[in-house]
Protein backbone atom coordinates (compact mmCIF):
# COMPACT_ATOMS: atom_id res chain seq x y z
CA UNK A 1 4.82 -22.37 2.04
CA UNK A 2 7.98 -20.71 3.25
CA UNK A 3 8.60 -16.98 3.45
CA UNK A 4 10.56 -16.94 0.19
CA UNK A 5 7.63 -18.31 -1.78
CA UNK A 6 5.19 -15.90 -0.13
CA UNK A 7 7.59 -13.07 -0.92
CA UNK A 8 7.84 -14.14 -4.55
CA UNK A 9 4.12 -14.68 -5.03
CA UNK A 10 3.15 -11.32 -3.52
CA UNK A 11 6.11 -9.23 -4.65
CA UNK A 12 6.66 -8.31 -1.01
CA UNK A 13 10.17 -8.34 0.46
CA UNK A 14 10.77 -10.88 3.21
CA UNK A 15 11.68 -8.14 5.64
CA UNK A 16 8.32 -6.50 5.06
CA UNK A 17 6.52 -9.81 5.61
CA UNK A 18 8.31 -10.12 8.96
CA UNK A 19 7.22 -6.57 9.78
CA UNK A 20 3.60 -7.51 8.98
CA UNK A 21 4.01 -10.40 11.39
CA UNK A 22 5.44 -8.13 14.11
CA UNK A 23 2.45 -5.82 13.66
CA UNK A 24 0.02 -8.74 13.97
CA UNK A 25 -1.24 -8.35 10.40
CA UNK A 26 -0.29 -11.89 9.41
CA UNK A 27 0.21 -14.88 11.66
CA UNK A 28 2.27 -17.73 10.21
CA UNK A 29 2.37 -21.19 11.70
CA UNK A 30 5.62 -22.36 13.27
CA UNK A 31 7.20 -25.74 12.58
CA UNK A 32 8.92 -27.72 15.32
CA UNK A 33 12.25 -26.35 14.06
CA UNK A 34 10.98 -22.77 14.47
CA UNK A 35 10.61 -22.06 10.75
CA UNK A 36 7.58 -20.07 9.70
CA UNK A 37 5.08 -21.64 7.33
CA UNK A 38 2.54 -19.53 5.53
CA UNK A 39 -0.95 -20.67 4.65
CA UNK A 40 -2.16 -20.20 1.08
CA UNK A 41 -4.75 -17.67 2.30
CA UNK A 42 -1.96 -15.32 3.36
CA UNK A 43 -1.18 -14.57 -0.30
CA UNK A 44 -4.49 -12.71 -0.57
CA UNK A 45 -4.11 -11.25 2.91
CA UNK A 46 -0.69 -9.77 2.06
CA UNK A 47 -2.12 -8.29 -1.14
CA UNK A 48 -4.98 -6.75 0.87
CA UNK A 49 -2.50 -5.31 3.36
CA UNK A 50 -0.38 -3.83 0.59
CA UNK A 51 -3.44 -2.29 -1.03
CA UNK A 52 -4.55 -0.73 2.24
CA UNK A 53 -1.05 0.59 2.92
CA UNK A 54 -0.90 2.01 -0.61
CA UNK A 55 -4.20 3.72 0.10
CA UNK A 56 -2.55 5.47 3.04
CA UNK A 57 -3.96 3.53 5.99
CA UNK A 58 -1.61 3.02 8.94
CA UNK A 59 -0.93 -0.53 10.13
CA UNK A 60 -2.79 0.04 13.42
CA UNK A 61 -6.00 0.78 11.49
CA UNK A 62 -5.37 -2.04 9.02
CA UNK A 63 -5.06 -4.47 11.91
CA UNK A 64 -8.49 -3.43 13.14
CA UNK A 65 -10.28 -3.67 9.80
CA UNK A 66 -8.68 -6.86 8.46
CA UNK A 67 -11.29 -9.08 10.17
CA UNK A 68 -13.95 -7.22 8.17
CA UNK A 69 -12.32 -8.45 4.96
CA UNK A 70 -12.67 -12.11 5.95
CA UNK A 71 -15.59 -14.21 4.88
CA UNK A 72 -17.80 -14.80 6.70
CA UNK A 73 -17.44 -11.31 8.07
CA UNK A 74 -17.07 -11.33 11.81
CA UNK A 75 -16.99 -7.66 12.77
CA UNK A 76 -16.04 -6.65 16.30
CA UNK A 77 -16.85 -3.15 17.46
CA UNK A 78 -15.02 -3.11 20.78
CA UNK A 79 -12.05 -1.18 19.35
CA UNK A 80 -14.10 1.28 17.30
CA UNK A 81 -13.27 4.60 18.95
CA UNK A 82 -14.67 7.88 17.60
CA UNK A 83 -11.13 8.77 16.48
CA UNK A 84 -10.77 5.52 14.56
CA UNK A 85 -14.16 5.99 12.91
CA UNK A 86 -13.23 9.54 11.88
CA UNK A 87 -9.88 8.32 10.52
CA UNK A 88 -11.58 5.60 8.50
CA UNK A 89 -14.16 8.03 7.15
CA UNK A 90 -11.40 10.43 6.09
CA UNK A 91 -9.42 7.61 4.48
CA UNK A 92 -12.51 6.33 2.68
CA UNK A 93 -13.21 9.82 1.33
CA UNK A 94 -9.59 10.21 0.25
CA UNK A 95 -9.72 6.83 -1.52
CA UNK A 96 -12.93 7.86 -3.27
CA UNK A 97 -11.19 10.97 -4.60
CA UNK A 98 -8.19 8.92 -5.73
CA UNK A 99 -10.51 6.48 -7.50
CA UNK A 100 -12.20 9.38 -9.30
CA UNK A 101 -8.81 10.76 -10.35
CA UNK A 102 -7.58 7.35 -11.48
CA UNK A 103 -10.80 6.82 -13.43
CA UNK A 104 -10.37 10.17 -15.21
CA UNK A 105 -6.74 9.30 -16.01
CA UNK A 106 -7.71 5.84 -17.28
CA UNK A 107 -10.43 7.35 -19.46
CA UNK A 108 -7.99 9.91 -20.89
CA UNK A 109 -5.46 7.18 -21.71
CA UNK A 110 -8.19 5.07 -23.33
CA UNK A 111 -9.30 8.05 -25.42
CA UNK A 112 -5.70 8.72 -26.47
CA UNK A 113 -5.11 5.06 -27.40
CA UNK A 114 -8.35 4.96 -29.39
CA UNK A 115 -7.30 8.09 -31.30
CA UNK A 116 -3.81 6.70 -31.98
CA UNK A 117 -5.22 3.37 -33.19
CA UNK A 118 -7.77 5.13 -35.38
CA UNK A 119 -5.05 7.33 -36.86
CA UNK A 120 -2.79 4.33 -37.46
CA UNK A 121 -5.62 2.50 -39.27
CA UNK A 122 -6.28 5.57 -41.42
CA UNK A 123 -2.57 5.85 -42.26
CA UNK A 124 -2.39 2.15 -43.13
CA UNK A 125 -5.48 2.40 -45.34
CA UNK A 126 -4.08 5.47 -47.12
CA UNK A 127 -0.77 3.69 -47.71
CA UNK A 128 -2.52 0.62 -49.06
CA UNK A 129 -4.60 2.65 -51.54
CA UNK A 130 -1.59 4.62 -52.85
CA UNK A 131 0.55 1.51 -53.39
CA UNK A 132 -2.17 -0.35 -55.33
């Protein structure tokens, strides 16, 4: 697929896809005419990258952990410095806290929606009994 289709399918601007390429996060094939072509698997890869960026990870760390997300998982430890490990541990802990917060917010919204729906059903039942 061409960059426009990848952009559309992932909701990622073309410029950002080119940046991912510059950073070595995605590697498109090149046609004889120099145009980039993107493999179907890059749709998921771009979504993974976006998720990791949204979680606060810098591209240099993302580049190192992307191979761990592939199946089968071929993990290379040669670049695992103590600083990188500490950064990843901190990011993991921060993500865990965000997940807890998001879960609490989701549960509160669900509770609110349940109460609103219950109230609406009660109102509808009351209206039906008074109009009969």
